[in-house]
Amino acid sequence: MVTEIRQRPVALPFYYGWVHVFIAALAMVGTLPGRTQGLGLITEPLLRDLQIDRVHFARINLWATLIGALFSLGVGKLIDRFGSRIVLTAVAVALAFVVFGMSATTNVAAIAILITFTRGLGQSALSVVSITMVGQWFVRRLNLAMAVYTIALSIGFMLAFPLIGAIVLSNGWRTAWWIIGVALLVGLAPLAVLLVRRPPQRADPLLNDLSYNVAREYTLLQALSTPSFWVFGISSAVYGLIASGIALFNESILAERQFDASTYYRSLVIVALTSLVGNFLGGWIASQWKMNRLLALAMVLLAGSLAALPHVSTQAHVAIYAAVMGLAGGFVIVIFFSFWSAAYGRKHLGKIQGAAQSLTVIASALGPLLLAETVSRTGSYASIFYLLTLVVAVLALLAWFVRMPSVSTAS
């Protein structure tokens, strides 16, 4: 069996887990070509370049994302067995070459296959590795670590979105994708080899963590048997469905409301900025409230932004909608990254995190197709936004009243 060599820690004036937080944040930013938000940056020029119908592209995206979701389950087991360094390095290199291939091909069938691999390696595998890396190193300071992590990745995405968007506008989507591949191959992969280590036997050794014990080590089946797994998992998944659908067709959605492409790119920056605020605020609220109450608040904000979207008519309206959506997203990110290890322990975290990620990936596959089919059949996106508003409102109620995992139920 292949295992990582355990290195003797170098004496540092800080806990080495914070290095992992930084690398994990970079890894999450590296998922951009496999995320719907990243693909959304090149959707319109790609459709024009390859002459692909919008609904046909949504179906390609659906199957690519559904197949890609399987990578979430497999990678969790690999992390638990081989460690984050090996898995992170391998996934980063593989994703880089897939992105290179996508930037060069002109064949629709090849694009479909390559998008599938970007989904599997980026949105699924690399995301699971990134999130798990932080959860493996922190226990009592998990909320703080996840807050720093989400802030770092939000800043990364906030810089990446306008940068890649500008490259797409000035040099085309193929050049933008080639640059991303280079960043993965010569940036992220070497950092993983040099800096990623196995976590200590007990996370946060600098703290006397009396609250952490083996009774909290849930297996995957035990976690799946708790109502909170499904409320948190489905809520996160529905957010992913909404975010992916809007991200892929946001330019088209805003065009329906008579806005141009520049408004779309500005809205991405607003979402990224307010998501960063949501990370700060969500991390603080999570330390004061039960996490299910924070989830309920996030769902209320999300429902409000969805209800308002079909009615935006000015630049100010777009900015307010994007700000509320970003704030809700910032809360959901903090919750999704913090909840699983805090509720179910670290021993089987890779598998549990992988199962939760699979829900979000599957939902994100359905989002663009729902929006594309809606606009194809009705001529407008409005009806699907109203329906999703109702679904999110129900999830807000379930989140408020769900019972959190009991420490005594896991063995």
Protein backbone atom coordinates (compact mmCIF):
# COMPACT_ATOMS: atom_id res chain seq x y z
CA MET A 1 0.00 0.00 0.00
CA VAL A 2 1.28 3.45 -0.94
CA THR A 3 1.52 5.83 1.98
CA GLU A 4 2.96 9.23 2.58
CA ILE A 5 6.19 9.55 4.55
CA ARG A 6 5.54 11.22 7.87
CA GLN A 7 7.91 14.13 8.24
CA ARG A 8 9.21 15.42 11.54
CA PRO A 9 7.60 18.84 11.97
CA VAL A 10 9.92 21.81 11.70
CA ALA A 11 9.76 24.12 14.71
CA LEU A 12 7.59 27.04 13.68
CA PRO A 13 6.22 30.03 15.61
CA PHE A 14 2.69 29.03 14.51
CA TYR A 15 0.56 25.92 14.19
CA TYR A 16 1.31 24.16 10.88
CA GLY A 17 -2.37 23.65 10.25
CA TRP A 18 -2.52 27.26 9.09
CA VAL A 19 -0.22 26.39 6.19
CA HIS A 20 -2.78 23.78 5.19
CA VAL A 21 -5.52 26.41 5.38
CA PHE A 22 -3.61 28.50 2.83
CA ILE A 23 -2.94 25.57 0.47
CA ALA A 24 -6.53 24.37 0.82
CA ALA A 25 -7.81 27.82 -0.16
CA LEU A 26 -5.55 27.84 -3.22
CA ALA A 27 -6.82 24.38 -4.12
CA MET A 28 -10.42 25.55 -3.92
CA VAL A 29 -9.65 28.50 -6.22
CA GLY A 30 -8.03 25.95 -8.53
CA THR A 31 -11.42 24.25 -8.93
CA LEU A 32 -12.56 27.24 -11.05
CA PRO A 33 -12.47 25.48 -14.47
CA GLY A 34 -14.59 22.68 -13.02
CA ARG A 35 -17.13 24.91 -11.30
CA THR A 36 -20.25 26.28 -12.90
CA GLN A 37 -19.19 29.82 -12.03
CA GLY A 38 -15.94 29.28 -13.90
CA LEU A 39 -17.64 27.64 -16.86
CA GLY A 40 -20.12 30.51 -16.84
CA LEU A 41 -17.27 32.88 -17.67
CA ILE A 42 -16.80 31.17 -21.03
CA THR A 43 -20.31 29.85 -21.75
CA GLU A 44 -21.42 32.46 -24.25
CA PRO A 45 -18.18 32.59 -26.32
CA LEU A 46 -17.94 28.78 -26.17
CA LEU A 47 -21.51 28.40 -27.46
CA ARG A 48 -20.75 30.81 -30.31
CA ASP A 49 -17.40 29.17 -31.08
CA LEU A 50 -18.74 25.62 -31.28
CA GLN A 51 -22.28 26.47 -32.45
CA ILE A 52 -23.91 24.63 -29.54
CA ASP A 53 -27.58 25.11 -28.67
CA ARG A 54 -28.19 26.39 -25.12
CA VAL A 55 -30.43 23.48 -24.06
CA HIS A 56 -28.03 20.96 -25.63
CA PHE A 57 -25.17 22.53 -23.70
CA ALA A 58 -27.20 22.37 -20.48
CA ARG A 59 -27.72 18.65 -21.09
CA ILE A 60 -24.00 18.16 -21.68
CA ASN A 61 -23.39 19.99 -18.43
CA LEU A 62 -26.00 17.84 -16.64
CA TRP A 63 -24.42 14.52 -17.58
CA ALA A 64 -20.91 15.84 -17.10
CA THR A 65 -21.76 16.98 -13.59
CA LEU A 66 -23.68 13.82 -12.65
CA ILE A 67 -20.81 11.60 -13.79
CA GLY A 68 -18.33 13.97 -12.18
CA ALA A 69 -20.17 13.63 -8.86
CA LEU A 70 -18.90 10.05 -8.62
CA PHE A 71 -15.38 11.42 -8.13
CA SER A 72 -16.50 12.88 -4.78
CA LEU A 73 -17.16 9.43 -3.36
CA GLY A 74 -13.93 7.89 -4.60
CA VAL A 75 -11.64 10.73 -3.59
CA GLY A 76 -12.85 10.72 0.02
CA LYS A 77 -11.74 7.11 0.40
CA LEU A 78 -8.39 7.90 -1.23
CA ILE A 79 -7.79 10.81 1.17
CA ASP A 80 -8.55 8.63 4.19
CA ARG A 81 -6.14 5.97 2.89
CA PHE A 82 -3.25 7.80 1.20
CA GLY A 83 -3.38 11.34 2.61
CA SER A 84 -3.97 14.77 1.16
CA ARG A 85 -0.53 15.38 -0.37
CA ILE A 86 -0.63 12.51 -2.84
CA VAL A 87 -4.27 13.03 -3.76
CA LEU A 88 -4.01 16.82 -4.09
CA THR A 89 -0.92 16.62 -6.29
CA ALA A 90 -2.39 13.96 -8.55
CA VAL A 91 -5.72 15.75 -8.95
CA ALA A 92 -4.07 19.13 -9.66
CA VAL A 93 -1.82 17.66 -12.38
CA ALA A 94 -4.67 15.69 -13.96
CA LEU A 95 -6.98 18.71 -13.96
CA ALA A 96 -4.26 20.86 -15.56
CA PHE A 97 -3.92 18.50 -18.53
CA VAL A 98 -7.68 18.23 -18.94
CA VAL A 99 -7.93 22.03 -19.05
CA PHE A 100 -5.11 22.15 -21.63
CA GLY A 101 -7.05 19.67 -23.75
CA MET A 102 -10.27 21.64 -23.45
CA SER A 103 -8.53 24.85 -24.55
CA ALA A 104 -7.32 23.16 -27.74
CA THR A 105 -10.25 21.06 -28.97
CA THR A 106 -12.88 22.15 -31.49
CA ASN A 107 -14.95 18.97 -31.33
CA VAL A 108 -18.27 19.06 -29.45
CA ALA A 109 -18.01 15.42 -28.31
CA ALA A 110 -14.50 16.03 -27.00
CA ILE A 111 -15.67 19.16 -25.19
CA ALA A 112 -18.41 17.10 -23.51
CA ILE A 113 -15.88 14.51 -22.32
CA LEU A 114 -13.41 17.13 -21.12
CA ILE A 115 -16.09 19.10 -19.26
CA THR A 116 -16.99 15.83 -17.53
CA PHE A 117 -13.41 15.46 -16.34
CA THR A 118 -13.19 19.10 -15.23
CA ARG A 119 -16.34 18.50 -13.20
CA GLY A 120 -15.03 15.27 -11.70
CA LEU A 121 -11.49 16.46 -10.99
CA GLY A 122 -12.30 20.10 -10.18
CA GLN A 123 -15.77 20.57 -8.76
CA SER A 124 -15.80 17.15 -7.08
CA ALA A 125 -12.35 15.74 -6.28
CA LEU A 126 -10.35 18.92 -5.72
CA SER A 127 -13.15 20.45 -3.65
CA VAL A 128 -13.31 17.43 -1.35
CA VAL A 129 -9.53 17.43 -0.87
CA SER A 130 -9.54 21.15 -0.11
CA ILE A 131 -12.32 21.05 2.48
CA THR A 132 -11.06 17.87 4.14
CA MET A 133 -7.53 19.26 4.56
CA VAL A 134 -8.77 21.91 6.98
CA GLY A 135 -11.12 19.63 8.89
CA GLN A 136 -8.32 17.11 9.49
CA TRP A 137 -6.12 19.67 11.28
CA PHE A 138 -8.56 21.63 13.44
CA VAL A 139 -11.09 20.79 16.15
CA ARG A 140 -11.77 23.53 18.70
CA ARG A 141 -10.51 26.24 16.37
CA LEU A 142 -12.43 24.78 13.43
CA ASN A 143 -14.81 27.76 13.08
CA LEU A 144 -11.87 30.17 13.09
CA ALA A 145 -9.91 28.02 10.63
CA MET A 146 -12.89 27.72 8.29
CA ALA A 147 -13.54 31.46 8.52
CA VAL A 148 -9.93 32.18 7.52
CA TYR A 149 -10.15 29.53 4.81
CA THR A 150 -13.36 30.88 3.32
CA ILE A 151 -12.03 34.45 3.45
CA ALA A 152 -8.85 33.38 1.65
CA LEU A 153 -10.68 31.46 -1.06
CA SER A 154 -13.23 34.26 -1.47
CA ILE A 155 -10.39 36.72 -2.05
CA GLY A 156 -8.91 34.25 -4.52
CA PHE A 157 -12.16 33.91 -6.45
CA MET A 158 -12.73 37.66 -6.22
CA LEU A 159 -9.39 38.17 -7.99
CA ALA A 160 -9.80 35.24 -10.38
CA PHE A 161 -13.27 36.05 -11.74
CA PRO A 162 -12.54 39.53 -13.13
CA LEU A 163 -9.04 38.48 -14.24
CA ILE A 164 -10.23 35.45 -16.19
CA GLY A 165 -13.24 37.42 -17.43
CA ALA A 166 -10.94 40.15 -18.77
CA ILE A 167 -8.74 37.56 -20.50
CA VAL A 168 -11.83 35.97 -22.06
CA LEU A 169 -12.97 39.35 -23.40
CA SER A 170 -9.55 40.40 -24.70
CA ASN A 171 -7.91 37.13 -25.81
CA GLY A 172 -10.68 34.55 -25.95
CA TRP A 173 -11.78 31.69 -23.75
CA ARG A 174 -9.12 29.27 -25.03
CA THR A 175 -6.26 31.48 -23.86
CA ALA A 176 -7.93 31.94 -20.49
CA TRP A 177 -8.28 28.18 -20.03
CA TRP A 178 -4.65 27.56 -21.07
CA ILE A 179 -3.46 30.06 -18.43
CA ILE A 180 -5.51 28.26 -15.76
CA GLY A 181 -3.89 24.96 -16.75
CA VAL A 182 -0.43 26.47 -16.34
CA ALA A 183 -1.35 27.81 -12.89
CA LEU A 184 -2.50 24.36 -11.77
CA LEU A 185 0.56 22.56 -13.15
CA VAL A 186 3.38 24.88 -12.08
CA GLY A 187 1.67 26.55 -9.12
CA LEU A 188 -0.67 24.35 -7.10
CA ALA A 189 0.90 20.92 -7.74
CA PRO A 190 4.44 21.89 -6.58
CA LEU A 191 3.05 23.62 -3.47
CA ALA A 192 1.15 20.44 -2.61
CA VAL A 193 4.33 18.35 -2.88
CA LEU A 194 6.42 20.76 -0.82
CA LEU A 195 4.04 21.91 1.90
CA VAL A 196 1.22 19.42 2.49
CA ARG A 197 1.71 16.97 5.38
CA ARG A 198 -0.36 14.37 7.12
CA PRO A 199 -2.29 15.80 10.07
CA PRO A 200 -1.16 14.99 13.63
CA GLN A 201 -2.83 12.15 15.45
CA ARG A 202 -4.78 14.77 17.39
CA ALA A 203 -5.68 18.06 15.77
CA ASP A 204 -4.95 21.37 17.48
CA PRO A 205 -2.31 19.95 19.88
CA LEU A 206 -1.64 23.45 21.25
CA LEU A 207 -5.08 23.44 22.84
CA ASN A 208 -6.39 21.33 25.68
CA ASP A 209 -9.41 20.11 23.75
CA LEU A 210 -11.52 18.37 26.38
CA SER A 211 -14.60 18.36 24.15
CA TYR A 212 -13.11 16.12 21.49
CA ASN A 213 -13.34 12.37 22.03
CA VAL A 214 -13.87 9.18 20.06
CA ALA A 215 -17.62 9.24 20.81
CA ARG A 216 -17.91 11.91 18.12
CA GLU A 217 -16.37 9.77 15.40
CA TYR A 218 -19.41 8.98 13.26
CA THR A 219 -19.15 6.51 10.42
CA LEU A 220 -20.65 7.45 7.08
CA LEU A 221 -23.74 5.31 7.71
CA GLN A 222 -24.24 6.84 11.16
CA ALA A 223 -23.98 10.32 9.69
CA LEU A 224 -26.47 9.45 6.95
CA SER A 225 -28.95 8.28 9.60
CA THR A 226 -29.17 11.73 11.23
CA PRO A 227 -31.80 14.25 10.01
CA SER A 228 -29.26 17.05 10.21
CA PHE A 229 -27.10 15.47 7.50
CA TRP A 230 -29.98 15.66 5.06
CA VAL A 231 -31.20 19.11 6.06
CA PHE A 232 -27.71 20.58 5.82
CA GLY A 233 -26.84 18.51 2.77
CA ILE A 234 -30.02 19.28 0.83
CA SER A 235 -29.93 22.96 1.78
CA SER A 236 -26.35 23.22 0.55
CA ALA A 237 -27.28 21.25 -2.55
CA VAL A 238 -30.23 23.51 -3.38
CA TYR A 239 -27.97 26.52 -2.98
CA GLY A 240 -25.56 24.81 -5.37
CA LEU A 241 -28.40 24.16 -7.82
CA ILE A 242 -29.40 27.82 -7.75
CA ALA A 243 -25.85 29.16 -7.87
CA SER A 244 -24.84 26.87 -10.74
CA GLY A 245 -27.91 27.65 -12.83
CA ILE A 246 -27.55 31.39 -12.35
CA ALA A 247 -23.77 31.30 -12.83
CA LEU A 248 -23.94 29.41 -16.12
CA PHE A 249 -26.67 31.60 -17.62
CA ASN A 250 -26.28 34.80 -15.61
CA GLU A 251 -25.39 36.83 -18.68
CA SER A 252 -28.56 35.58 -20.37
CA ILE A 253 -30.66 36.13 -17.24
CA LEU A 254 -29.55 39.73 -16.98
CA ALA A 255 -29.96 40.21 -20.73
CA GLU A 256 -33.62 39.25 -20.27
CA ARG A 257 -33.82 42.22 -17.91
CA GLN A 258 -32.12 44.42 -20.57
CA PHE A 259 -28.60 44.46 -19.08
CA ASP A 260 -25.37 43.97 -21.04
CA ALA A 261 -22.39 41.67 -20.43
CA SER A 262 -20.49 44.30 -18.44
CA THR A 263 -23.27 44.28 -15.84
CA TYR A 264 -22.83 40.53 -15.55
CA TYR A 265 -19.10 40.84 -14.85
CA ARG A 266 -19.70 43.62 -12.30
CA SER A 267 -22.29 41.47 -10.56
CA LEU A 268 -19.70 38.70 -10.17
CA VAL A 269 -17.42 41.10 -8.33
CA ILE A 270 -20.27 42.22 -6.05
CA VAL A 271 -21.18 38.62 -5.27
CA ALA A 272 -17.54 37.83 -4.48
CA LEU A 273 -17.16 40.89 -2.22
CA THR A 274 -20.37 40.30 -0.26
CA SER A 275 -19.58 36.60 -0.05
CA LEU A 276 -16.38 37.65 1.69
CA VAL A 277 -18.44 39.73 4.12
CA GLY A 278 -20.66 36.68 4.60
CA ASN A 279 -17.60 34.62 5.46
CA PHE A 280 -16.55 37.08 8.17
CA LEU A 281 -20.06 37.53 9.52
CA GLY A 282 -20.97 33.86 9.20
CA GLY A 283 -17.86 32.78 11.09
CA TRP A 284 -18.75 35.14 13.92
CA ILE A 285 -22.43 34.14 14.00
CA ALA A 286 -21.44 30.45 14.00
CA SER A 287 -19.54 31.06 17.24
CA GLN A 288 -22.61 32.69 18.82
CA TRP A 289 -25.53 30.70 17.38
CA LYS A 290 -26.29 27.09 16.69
CA MET A 291 -25.27 26.33 13.14
CA ASN A 292 -28.79 25.33 12.10
CA ARG A 293 -30.01 28.86 12.95
CA LEU A 294 -27.30 30.33 10.74
CA LEU A 295 -28.39 27.98 7.95
CA ALA A 296 -32.00 29.15 8.37
CA LEU A 297 -30.88 32.78 8.06
CA ALA A 298 -28.90 31.96 4.92
CA MET A 299 -31.96 30.31 3.36
CA VAL A 300 -34.16 33.32 4.16
CA LEU A 301 -31.68 35.66 2.44
CA LEU A 302 -31.43 33.31 -0.53
CA ALA A 303 -35.23 33.15 -0.87
CA GLY A 304 -35.42 36.95 -0.83
CA SER A 305 -32.82 37.34 -3.58
CA LEU A 306 -34.56 34.75 -5.76
CA ALA A 307 -37.93 36.42 -5.37
CA ALA A 308 -36.42 39.77 -6.35
CA LEU A 309 -34.37 38.61 -9.36
CA PRO A 310 -37.24 38.57 -11.93
CA HIS A 311 -37.98 42.20 -11.07
CA VAL A 312 -34.56 43.89 -11.24
CA SER A 313 -34.68 46.87 -13.60
CA THR A 314 -31.80 49.19 -12.65
CA GLN A 315 -28.09 48.86 -11.93
CA ALA A 316 -28.88 49.50 -8.25
CA HIS A 317 -31.36 46.60 -8.25
CA VAL A 318 -28.75 44.28 -9.74
CA ALA A 319 -26.21 45.40 -7.14
CA ILE A 320 -28.65 44.78 -4.25
CA TYR A 321 -29.67 41.38 -5.62
CA ALA A 322 -26.03 40.37 -6.10
CA ALA A 323 -25.12 41.61 -2.61
CA VAL A 324 -27.85 39.57 -0.90
CA MET A 325 -27.05 36.51 -3.00
CA GLY A 326 -23.37 36.86 -2.12
CA LEU A 327 -24.09 37.29 1.58
CA ALA A 328 -26.28 34.17 1.61
CA GLY A 329 -23.59 32.30 -0.30
CA GLY A 330 -20.95 33.40 2.19
CA PHE A 331 -23.03 31.97 5.02
CA VAL A 332 -23.62 28.69 3.19
CA ILE A 333 -19.91 28.32 2.44
CA VAL A 334 -18.98 28.73 6.12
CA ILE A 335 -21.68 26.24 7.11
CA PHE A 336 -20.77 23.65 4.48
CA PHE A 337 -17.07 23.78 5.27
CA SER A 338 -17.51 23.72 9.06
CA PHE A 339 -20.47 21.49 9.79
CA TRP A 340 -19.35 18.01 8.81
CA SER A 341 -16.19 17.66 10.88
CA ALA A 342 -17.72 19.60 13.79
CA ALA A 343 -20.78 17.34 13.86
CA TYR A 344 -19.34 13.96 12.87
CA GLY A 345 -15.62 13.98 13.76
CA ARG A 346 -12.46 13.52 11.67
CA LYS A 347 -11.90 9.76 11.44
CA HIS A 348 -14.28 9.20 8.50
CA LEU A 349 -14.38 12.82 7.37
CA GLY A 350 -13.23 12.09 3.80
CA LYS A 351 -16.15 9.72 3.16
CA ILE A 352 -18.72 11.95 4.88
CA GLN A 353 -17.45 15.06 3.13
CA GLY A 354 -17.48 13.18 -0.17
CA ALA A 355 -21.12 12.12 0.31
CA ALA A 356 -22.14 15.68 1.12
CA GLN A 357 -20.19 17.01 -1.86
CA SER A 358 -21.92 14.48 -4.12
CA LEU A 359 -25.30 15.96 -3.18
CA THR A 360 -24.15 19.46 -4.10
CA VAL A 361 -22.55 18.31 -7.35
CA ILE A 362 -25.66 16.43 -8.46
CA ALA A 363 -27.83 19.43 -7.65
CA SER A 364 -25.47 21.77 -9.47
CA ALA A 365 -25.87 19.55 -12.53
CA LEU A 366 -29.64 19.99 -12.47
CA GLY A 367 -29.59 23.76 -11.98
CA PRO A 368 -28.54 24.87 -15.47
CA LEU A 369 -30.85 22.34 -17.14
CA LEU A 370 -33.84 23.52 -15.08
CA LEU A 371 -33.16 27.11 -16.08
CA ALA A 372 -32.53 26.27 -19.73
CA GLU A 373 -35.68 24.15 -20.01
CA THR A 374 -37.74 26.83 -18.25
CA VAL A 375 -36.66 29.63 -20.57
CA SER A 376 -37.06 27.33 -23.59
CA ARG A 377 -40.64 26.41 -22.68
CA THR A 378 -41.88 29.69 -21.20
CA GLY A 379 -39.61 32.31 -22.75
CA SER A 380 -38.58 33.58 -19.30
CA TYR A 381 -36.62 32.49 -16.24
CA ALA A 382 -39.15 33.98 -13.79
CA SER A 383 -41.28 30.90 -13.04
CA ILE A 384 -38.36 28.74 -11.95
CA PHE A 385 -37.12 31.48 -9.62
CA TYR A 386 -40.54 31.69 -7.96
CA LEU A 387 -40.66 27.90 -7.51
CA LEU A 388 -37.16 27.83 -6.02
CA THR A 389 -38.11 30.65 -3.65
CA LEU A 390 -40.79 28.38 -2.18
CA VAL A 391 -38.39 25.42 -1.88
CA VAL A 392 -35.76 27.52 -0.12
CA ALA A 393 -38.34 28.95 2.29
CA VAL A 394 -39.35 25.41 3.32
CA LEU A 395 -35.68 24.52 3.87
CA ALA A 396 -35.30 27.59 6.09
CA LEU A 397 -38.06 26.26 8.35
CA LEU A 398 -36.55 22.76 8.44
CA ALA A 399 -33.13 24.17 9.27
CA TRP A 400 -34.50 26.21 12.17
CA PHE A 401 -36.12 23.19 13.83
CA VAL A 402 -33.76 20.31 12.90
CA ARG A 403 -32.14 18.46 15.76
CA MET A 404 -28.34 18.61 15.72
CA PRO A 405 -26.27 15.37 16.03
CA SER A 406 -25.96 13.97 19.52
CA VAL A 407 -22.43 13.18 20.71
CA SER A 408 -23.66 10.08 22.54
CA THR A 409 -25.16 8.41 19.45
CA ALA A 410 -21.88 7.69 17.68
CA SER A 411 -19.54 4.95 18.81
